N, C-alpha and C. Protein backbone atom coordinates (compact mmCIF):
# COMPACT_ATOMS: atom_id res chain seq x y z
N MET A 1 251.22 343.41 224.34
CA MET A 1 250.19 343.04 225.47
C MET A 1 249.36 342.26 224.89
N TYR A 2 248.19 342.94 224.00
CA TYR A 2 247.03 342.08 223.87
C TYR A 2 247.35 341.35 222.25
N THR A 3 246.64 340.01 222.69
CA THR A 3 247.07 339.47 221.13
C THR A 3 246.10 339.45 220.07
N LEU A 4 246.50 338.90 219.15
CA LEU A 4 244.99 339.05 218.15
C LEU A 4 243.73 338.10 218.63
N LYS A 5 244.09 337.34 219.48
CA LYS A 5 243.23 336.28 219.76
C LYS A 5 242.45 337.24 220.59
N HIS A 6 242.85 338.02 221.66
CA HIS A 6 242.15 338.75 222.60
C HIS A 6 241.39 339.88 222.06
N LEU A 7 241.93 340.56 220.97
CA LEU A 7 241.33 341.63 220.53
C LEU A 7 240.06 341.02 219.81
N THR A 8 240.16 339.54 219.03
CA THR A 8 239.03 339.01 218.24
C THR A 8 237.91 338.91 219.44
N VAL A 9 238.16 338.16 220.36
CA VAL A 9 237.37 337.74 221.42
C VAL A 9 236.42 338.94 221.96
N ALA A 10 237.27 340.38 222.26
CA ALA A 10 236.88 341.30 222.68
C ALA A 10 235.91 341.99 221.92
N LEU A 11 236.32 342.28 220.58
CA LEU A 11 235.34 342.42 219.33
C LEU A 11 233.98 341.68 219.24
N VAL A 12 234.07 340.35 219.12
CA VAL A 12 233.07 339.44 219.07
C VAL A 12 232.22 339.74 220.18
N ALA A 13 232.82 339.93 221.15
CA ALA A 13 231.69 340.05 222.78
C ALA A 13 230.91 341.61 222.49
N VAL A 14 231.42 342.52 221.95
CA VAL A 14 231.26 343.81 221.75
C VAL A 14 230.08 343.91 220.84
N ILE A 15 230.00 342.95 219.78
CA ILE A 15 229.24 343.06 218.81
C ILE A 15 228.17 342.14 219.00
N ALA A 16 228.37 341.03 219.88
CA ALA A 16 227.09 340.12 220.27
C ALA A 16 226.27 341.22 221.51
N LEU A 17 227.12 341.85 222.36
CA LEU A 17 226.50 342.85 223.27
C LEU A 17 225.87 343.74 222.50
N LEU A 18 226.03 344.44 221.12
CA LEU A 18 225.48 345.43 220.70
C LEU A 18 224.25 344.90 219.81
N PHE A 19 224.27 343.65 219.06
CA PHE A 19 223.32 343.27 218.26
C PHE A 19 222.28 342.52 219.45
N GLY A 20 222.61 342.08 220.41
CA GLY A 20 221.58 341.42 221.52
C GLY A 20 220.69 342.62 222.10
N SER A 21 221.20 343.83 222.29
CA SER A 21 220.74 344.96 223.04
C SER A 21 219.85 345.81 221.90
N VAL A 22 219.99 345.80 221.09
CA VAL A 22 219.68 346.89 219.83
C VAL A 22 218.60 345.79 219.07
N ARG A 23 218.79 345.08 218.57
CA ARG A 23 217.50 344.65 217.94
C ARG A 23 216.38 344.11 218.53
N GLU A 24 215.33 344.18 217.81
CA GLU A 24 214.19 343.94 218.41
C GLU A 24 214.12 342.23 219.32
N VAL A 25 213.18 342.22 219.95
CA VAL A 25 213.10 340.97 220.78
C VAL A 25 212.21 339.97 219.62
N GLN A 26 212.01 340.57 218.56
CA GLN A 26 211.31 339.45 217.55
C GLN A 26 212.56 338.13 217.05
N ALA A 27 213.68 338.72 217.26
CA ALA A 27 214.72 337.89 216.85
C ALA A 27 214.98 336.72 217.70
N GLY A 28 214.20 336.56 218.37
CA GLY A 28 214.55 335.56 219.75
C GLY A 28 212.85 335.03 219.69
N VAL A 29 212.25 335.36 219.25
CA VAL A 29 210.88 334.44 219.13
C VAL A 29 210.77 333.37 218.42
N ILE A 30 210.37 332.31 219.06
CA ILE A 30 210.08 330.99 218.56
C ILE A 30 208.59 330.76 218.35
N GLU A 31 207.95 330.31 217.14
CA GLU A 31 206.57 330.54 216.47
C GLU A 31 205.88 329.66 217.40
N ALA A 32 204.82 330.14 217.86
CA ALA A 32 203.56 329.28 218.53
C ALA A 32 202.87 328.66 217.93
N LYS A 33 202.17 327.75 218.15
CA LYS A 33 200.99 327.50 217.61
C LYS A 33 199.39 328.62 217.70
N LYS A 34 198.90 328.82 216.66
CA LYS A 34 197.88 329.81 216.82
C LYS A 34 196.81 329.59 217.38
N HIS A 35 196.53 328.32 217.78
CA HIS A 35 195.40 327.73 218.74
C HIS A 35 195.41 327.96 220.20
N ALA A 36 196.87 328.33 220.41
CA ALA A 36 197.21 328.56 221.96
C ALA A 36 196.40 329.25 222.90
N GLN A 37 195.96 328.58 223.96
CA GLN A 37 195.09 329.22 225.02
C GLN A 37 195.71 329.64 226.17
N SER A 38 196.71 328.86 226.58
CA SER A 38 197.46 329.04 227.91
C SER A 38 198.45 329.39 227.50
N CYS A 39 199.56 330.39 228.37
CA CYS A 39 200.34 330.75 228.45
C CYS A 39 201.63 329.95 228.11
N ARG A 40 201.32 328.87 228.70
CA ARG A 40 202.48 327.72 228.34
C ARG A 40 203.06 327.45 226.64
N ASP A 41 201.75 327.69 225.97
CA ASP A 41 201.77 327.16 224.43
C ASP A 41 202.22 328.35 223.90
N LEU A 42 202.32 329.76 224.17
CA LEU A 42 202.72 330.94 223.82
C LEU A 42 204.14 331.08 223.16
N PRO A 43 204.89 331.71 222.50
CA PRO A 43 206.16 331.93 222.23
C PRO A 43 206.94 332.18 223.41
N VAL A 44 208.18 331.64 223.37
CA VAL A 44 209.07 332.02 224.09
C VAL A 44 210.22 333.22 223.78
N ILE A 45 210.44 334.40 223.98
CA ILE A 45 210.87 335.37 224.19
C ILE A 45 212.40 335.31 224.58
N LYS A 46 213.47 334.89 224.15
CA LYS A 46 214.68 334.61 224.44
C LYS A 46 215.40 336.08 224.47
N ASN A 47 216.26 336.20 225.89
CA ASN A 47 217.26 337.34 225.86
C ASN A 47 218.53 336.87 225.08
N LEU A 48 218.86 337.31 224.57
CA LEU A 48 220.18 336.78 223.90
C LEU A 48 221.64 337.23 224.66
N THR A 49 221.69 338.48 225.57
CA THR A 49 222.50 338.50 226.26
C THR A 49 222.73 337.96 227.65
N ALA A 50 221.54 337.16 228.04
CA ALA A 50 221.61 336.59 229.30
C ALA A 50 220.94 335.32 229.18
N LEU A 51 220.93 334.36 230.15
CA LEU A 51 220.61 332.95 230.09
C LEU A 51 219.16 332.72 230.55
N LYS A 52 218.14 333.64 230.27
CA LYS A 52 216.57 333.63 230.67
C LYS A 52 215.76 333.61 229.73
N ALA A 53 214.73 333.22 229.91
CA ALA A 53 213.39 333.13 229.18
C ALA A 53 212.29 333.94 229.40
N GLN A 54 211.63 334.48 229.11
CA GLN A 54 210.12 334.93 229.44
C GLN A 54 208.88 334.58 228.60
N HIS A 55 207.99 334.12 229.19
CA HIS A 55 206.76 333.51 228.56
C HIS A 55 206.16 334.63 228.54
N VAL A 56 205.29 334.90 227.30
CA VAL A 56 204.59 336.12 226.89
C VAL A 56 203.00 335.42 227.01
N CYS A 57 201.95 336.09 227.65
CA CYS A 57 200.51 335.73 227.53
C CYS A 57 199.91 336.61 226.72
N GLU A 58 199.53 336.19 225.27
CA GLU A 58 198.89 337.33 224.81
C GLU A 58 197.27 337.35 224.77
N GLY A 59 196.99 336.76 225.60
CA GLY A 59 195.49 336.58 226.15
C GLY A 59 194.96 337.90 226.97
N THR A 60 195.90 338.52 227.56
CA THR A 60 195.74 339.52 228.29
C THR A 60 195.14 340.88 227.92
N THR A 61 195.83 340.93 226.12
CA THR A 61 195.46 342.29 225.28
C THR A 61 194.30 341.85 224.59
N PRO A 62 193.59 342.97 224.39
CA PRO A 62 192.52 342.90 223.54
C PRO A 62 193.02 343.00 221.97
N LYS A 63 192.61 342.14 221.22
CA LYS A 63 192.77 342.34 219.65
C LYS A 63 192.16 343.61 218.76
N GLU A 64 193.56 344.23 218.05
CA GLU A 64 192.82 345.65 217.74
C GLU A 64 192.21 345.12 216.15
N LEU A 65 191.61 345.84 215.75
CA LEU A 65 190.84 345.48 214.37
C LEU A 65 191.64 346.26 213.42
N THR A 66 191.59 345.72 212.13
CA THR A 66 192.12 345.97 211.15
C THR A 66 191.06 346.73 210.11
N SER A 67 191.87 347.98 209.29
CA SER A 67 190.66 348.64 208.71
C SER A 67 189.94 347.96 208.02
N ARG A 68 190.26 346.75 207.27
CA ARG A 68 189.56 346.07 206.44
C ARG A 68 188.35 345.28 207.47
N GLU A 69 188.66 345.14 208.81
CA GLU A 69 187.77 344.69 209.50
C GLU A 69 186.72 345.53 210.44
N VAL A 70 187.23 346.88 209.79
CA VAL A 70 186.40 347.88 210.67
C VAL A 70 185.30 348.36 209.53
N LYS A 71 185.64 348.25 208.21
CA LYS A 71 185.08 348.74 207.03
C LYS A 71 183.82 347.52 206.91
N LYS A 72 184.19 346.26 206.97
CA LYS A 72 183.08 345.33 207.24
C LYS A 72 182.06 345.57 208.17
N LEU A 73 182.56 345.76 209.60
CA LEU A 73 181.72 346.09 210.69
C LEU A 73 180.88 347.18 210.19
N ALA A 74 181.29 348.25 209.65
CA ALA A 74 180.51 349.52 209.41
C ALA A 74 179.61 348.96 208.41
N VAL A 75 179.73 348.29 207.73
CA VAL A 75 178.57 348.21 206.69
C VAL A 75 177.46 347.24 207.28
N THR A 76 178.18 346.12 207.99
CA THR A 76 177.05 345.31 208.78
C THR A 76 176.51 345.57 210.33
N ALA A 77 176.83 346.71 210.89
CA ALA A 77 176.84 347.08 212.14
C ALA A 77 175.34 347.61 212.46
N ASN A 78 174.77 346.33 213.33
CA ASN A 78 173.65 346.71 213.44
C ASN A 78 173.17 347.10 215.21
N THR A 79 174.42 346.84 216.01
CA THR A 79 174.10 347.04 217.47
C THR A 79 174.66 348.47 217.84
N ARG A 80 174.26 349.08 218.64
CA ARG A 80 175.12 349.94 219.54
C ARG A 80 176.40 349.75 219.64
N GLU A 81 176.97 348.84 220.15
CA GLU A 81 178.07 348.61 220.35
C GLU A 81 179.02 348.65 219.19
N ASP A 82 178.62 347.97 218.16
CA ASP A 82 179.34 347.77 216.91
C ASP A 82 179.64 349.46 216.31
N HIS A 83 178.51 349.94 216.51
CA HIS A 83 178.80 351.49 215.84
C HIS A 83 179.76 352.10 216.39
N LEU A 84 179.40 351.99 217.99
CA LEU A 84 180.76 352.68 219.02
C LEU A 84 182.16 352.05 218.57
N VAL A 85 182.28 350.77 218.26
CA VAL A 85 183.42 350.26 218.05
C VAL A 85 184.07 351.21 216.56
N VAL A 86 183.12 351.28 215.63
CA VAL A 86 183.60 351.86 214.57
C VAL A 86 184.12 353.31 214.75
N ALA A 87 183.32 353.85 215.51
CA ALA A 87 183.58 355.25 216.02
C ALA A 87 184.76 355.55 216.64
N ARG A 88 185.09 354.66 217.71
CA ARG A 88 186.32 354.88 218.51
C ARG A 88 187.39 354.67 217.40
N PHE A 89 187.67 353.67 216.34
CA PHE A 89 188.43 353.28 215.65
C PHE A 89 188.86 354.65 214.58
N TYR A 90 187.66 355.35 214.00
CA TYR A 90 188.10 356.32 213.05
C TYR A 90 188.35 357.51 214.15
N ARG A 91 188.03 357.59 215.30
CA ARG A 91 188.75 358.91 216.22
C ARG A 91 190.06 358.57 216.51
N ALA A 92 190.38 357.24 216.60
CA ALA A 92 191.95 357.26 217.10
C ALA A 92 192.73 357.22 215.85
N ASP A 93 192.15 356.59 214.76
CA ASP A 93 192.99 357.00 213.49
C ASP A 93 193.04 358.29 213.06
N ALA A 94 191.76 359.37 213.51
CA ALA A 94 192.02 360.76 212.99
C ALA A 94 193.26 361.68 213.97
N ASN A 95 193.13 360.66 215.31
CA ASN A 95 194.20 361.44 216.42
C ASN A 95 195.52 361.23 215.58
N GLY A 96 195.67 359.91 215.57
CA GLY A 96 197.07 359.80 214.66
C GLY A 96 197.34 360.42 213.65
N LEU A 97 196.54 360.71 212.62
CA LEU A 97 196.46 361.23 211.50
C LEU A 97 197.26 363.03 211.64
N ASP A 98 196.65 363.35 213.01
CA ASP A 98 196.90 364.54 213.50
C ASP A 98 198.11 364.80 214.08
N THR A 99 198.35 363.75 214.77
CA THR A 99 199.95 363.52 214.98
C THR A 99 201.08 363.71 214.30
N LYS A 100 200.37 362.91 213.10
CA LYS A 100 201.52 362.49 211.59
C LYS A 100 201.45 363.68 210.84
N ALA A 101 200.74 364.76 210.90
CA ALA A 101 200.20 366.34 210.52
C ALA A 101 201.22 367.35 211.19
N ALA A 102 201.20 367.17 212.58
CA ALA A 102 201.81 368.00 213.36
C ALA A 102 203.32 367.69 213.36
N GLY A 103 203.28 366.38 213.13
CA GLY A 103 205.21 366.33 213.03
C GLY A 103 205.83 366.83 211.34
N TYR A 104 204.72 366.58 210.31
CA TYR A 104 205.18 367.23 209.37
C TYR A 104 205.37 368.86 209.26
N GLU A 105 204.23 369.55 209.83
CA GLU A 105 204.36 370.71 210.12
C GLU A 105 205.55 371.46 210.93
N ARG A 106 206.15 370.50 211.76
CA ARG A 106 206.99 370.80 212.51
C ARG A 106 208.36 370.59 212.01
N ALA A 107 208.32 369.97 211.17
CA ALA A 107 209.81 369.42 210.00
C ALA A 107 209.65 370.80 208.98
N ALA A 108 208.49 371.34 208.54
CA ALA A 108 208.67 372.01 207.49
C ALA A 108 209.21 373.46 208.03
N THR A 109 208.52 373.80 209.40
CA THR A 109 208.98 374.87 210.07
C THR A 109 210.44 374.77 210.21
N ASN A 110 210.79 373.53 210.84
CA ASN A 110 212.15 373.66 210.91
C ASN A 110 213.28 373.65 209.85
N LEU A 111 212.78 373.33 208.48
CA LEU A 111 213.42 373.40 207.06
C LEU A 111 213.31 374.94 206.78
N ARG A 112 212.14 375.59 207.12
CA ARG A 112 212.20 376.94 206.78
C ARG A 112 212.75 378.02 207.69
N ASN A 113 213.12 377.69 209.01
CA ASN A 113 213.77 378.63 209.68
C ASN A 113 215.38 378.37 209.91
N THR A 114 215.92 377.04 209.22
CA THR A 114 217.33 377.05 209.16
C THR A 114 218.13 377.68 208.08
N PRO A 115 219.17 378.15 208.25
CA PRO A 115 219.92 378.88 207.03
C PRO A 115 220.23 378.06 206.04
N VAL A 116 220.12 378.77 204.97
CA VAL A 116 220.05 378.30 203.39
C VAL A 116 221.66 376.98 203.30
N ALA A 117 222.79 377.58 203.98
CA ALA A 117 223.89 377.13 204.01
C ALA A 117 223.68 375.67 204.89
N LYS A 118 223.21 375.30 205.85
CA LYS A 118 223.11 374.33 206.59
C LYS A 118 221.80 373.80 206.06
N ASN A 119 221.31 374.03 204.92
CA ASN A 119 219.88 373.06 204.91
C ASN A 119 220.24 372.41 203.40
N LEU A 120 220.53 371.12 203.54
CA LEU A 120 221.06 370.30 202.60
C LEU A 120 219.71 369.59 202.13
N ALA A 121 218.53 369.96 202.46
CA ALA A 121 217.39 369.27 201.91
C ALA A 121 217.07 370.07 200.80
N ALA A 122 216.46 369.47 199.82
CA ALA A 122 215.83 370.32 198.34
C ALA A 122 215.08 371.71 198.81
N PRO A 123 215.23 372.53 197.64
CA PRO A 123 214.27 373.48 198.16
C PRO A 123 212.81 373.36 198.29
N GLY A 124 212.70 372.55 197.93
CA GLY A 124 210.73 372.24 197.73
C GLY A 124 210.39 371.33 198.72
N THR A 125 211.48 370.74 200.02
CA THR A 125 210.83 369.63 200.69
C THR A 125 210.12 370.29 201.77
N ALA A 126 210.52 371.29 202.54
CA ALA A 126 209.43 372.39 203.14
C ALA A 126 208.08 372.14 202.56
N ALA A 127 207.45 372.88 201.29
CA ALA A 127 206.30 372.96 200.80
C ALA A 127 205.70 371.08 200.78
N ARG A 128 206.57 370.45 200.26
CA ARG A 128 205.96 368.91 200.39
C ARG A 128 205.45 368.67 201.66
N PHE A 129 206.41 368.76 202.65
CA PHE A 129 206.17 368.55 203.99
C PHE A 129 204.75 369.42 204.64
N GLU A 130 204.58 370.50 204.00
CA GLU A 130 203.37 370.94 204.26
C GLU A 130 201.93 370.49 203.64
N PHE A 131 202.12 370.17 202.35
CA PHE A 131 200.97 369.69 201.42
C PHE A 131 200.79 368.61 202.17
N ALA A 132 201.99 367.54 202.59
CA ALA A 132 201.45 366.08 203.70
C ALA A 132 200.74 366.56 204.50
N ALA A 133 201.13 367.54 205.18
CA ALA A 133 200.15 367.76 206.59
C ALA A 133 199.01 368.28 206.37
N VAL A 134 198.63 368.89 205.16
CA VAL A 134 197.19 369.35 204.82
C VAL A 134 196.50 368.11 204.65
N GLY A 135 197.29 367.01 203.71
CA GLY A 135 196.56 365.87 203.52
C GLY A 135 196.18 364.98 204.18
N PHE A 136 196.99 365.18 205.65
CA PHE A 136 196.72 364.25 206.88
C PHE A 136 195.61 364.84 207.45
N ARG A 137 195.65 366.08 207.61
CA ARG A 137 194.38 366.88 208.51
C ARG A 137 193.18 366.49 207.78
N GLU A 138 193.20 366.56 206.35
CA GLU A 138 191.84 366.28 205.57
C GLU A 138 191.57 365.01 205.80
N GLU A 139 192.27 363.84 205.86
CA GLU A 139 191.82 362.83 206.26
C GLU A 139 191.54 362.54 207.72
N ALA A 140 192.14 363.18 208.63
CA ALA A 140 191.83 363.24 209.98
C ALA A 140 190.22 363.81 209.99
N ASN A 141 190.18 364.70 209.37
CA ASN A 141 188.88 365.54 209.49
C ASN A 141 187.42 364.52 208.81
N ALA A 142 188.20 363.88 207.68
CA ALA A 142 187.12 362.71 207.34
C ALA A 142 186.51 361.76 208.17
N GLY A 143 187.68 361.37 209.14
CA GLY A 143 187.71 360.15 209.92
C GLY A 143 186.87 360.57 211.00
N ARG A 144 187.02 361.83 211.58
CA ARG A 144 186.12 362.24 212.62
C ARG A 144 184.75 362.29 212.30
N ALA A 145 184.29 362.69 210.85
CA ALA A 145 182.88 363.07 210.30
C ALA A 145 182.36 361.69 210.34
N ILE A 146 183.10 360.51 209.90
CA ILE A 146 182.51 359.19 209.88
C ILE A 146 182.38 358.64 211.58
N ALA A 147 183.43 359.00 212.19
CA ALA A 147 182.93 358.83 213.68
C ALA A 147 181.52 359.07 214.10
N ALA A 148 181.52 360.52 214.05
CA ALA A 148 180.74 361.26 214.22
C ALA A 148 179.14 360.53 213.84
N THR A 149 178.93 360.10 212.57
CA THR A 149 177.84 359.82 211.74
C THR A 149 177.87 358.26 212.76
N HIS A 150 178.55 357.54 213.19
CA HIS A 150 178.19 356.31 213.81
C HIS A 150 177.96 356.39 215.13
N GLU A 151 178.51 357.47 215.62
CA GLU A 151 177.84 357.63 217.23
C GLU A 151 176.56 358.49 216.97
N LYS A 152 176.28 359.06 216.25
CA LYS A 152 174.80 359.28 216.20
C LYS A 152 174.11 358.04 215.68
N MET A 153 174.24 356.97 214.81
CA MET A 153 173.81 355.91 214.69
C MET A 153 173.77 354.97 215.79
N ALA A 154 174.61 354.91 216.91
CA ALA A 154 174.76 354.35 218.08
C ALA A 154 173.65 354.81 218.99
N ALA A 155 173.47 356.31 218.93
CA ALA A 155 172.37 356.94 219.67
C ALA A 155 170.87 356.70 218.97
N ASP A 156 171.02 356.51 217.84
CA ASP A 156 169.52 356.40 217.21
C ASP A 156 169.11 354.69 217.61
N VAL A 157 169.85 353.84 217.31
CA VAL A 157 169.76 352.32 218.05
C VAL A 157 169.06 352.29 219.04
N LEU A 158 169.96 353.34 220.17
CA LEU A 158 169.54 352.96 221.63
C LEU A 158 168.08 354.07 221.66
N ALA A 159 167.85 355.03 220.87
CA ALA A 159 166.60 355.48 220.95
C ALA A 159 165.48 354.55 220.68
N LEU A 160 165.95 353.86 219.58
CA LEU A 160 164.92 352.66 219.18
C LEU A 160 164.18 351.65 220.15
N LEU A 161 165.70 351.04 220.98
CA LEU A 161 165.17 350.12 222.18
C LEU A 161 164.48 350.61 222.98
N LYS A 162 164.55 351.95 223.10
CA LYS A 162 163.73 352.64 224.73
C LYS A 162 162.15 352.74 224.19
């Protein structure tokens, strides 16, 4: 009933649909110039499963600072706004580390509560997860302390201006 040609076409179509919908959109991004200001000059993201294209305007989202930029800003911060930017970065980083730590703690609890016959992980895996969670918590607390210091510096700058 079905020939090899029909099966090959169906297989190729299924694979194309699978890869077109599973892959990230970055596969269809065409590189744009770095100095582009308008939406027309920015990358065109092509949807591989349909015949349409979308224009992305990067100018609408604020640029996120890297940790290297924040460290430089922390050293050279003179204004209240600079200190608050640094404090917000470290608070957000601490919240992310707390989330990671909670995930590791949940994973360790799940490993400890599963039966030994079904636990395919090494016996020390739960302890390593707990150790990682403690490290993430300590790093988050250090980030919060840095954020509090910069918030105090921002308040001091504000007090000097008054």
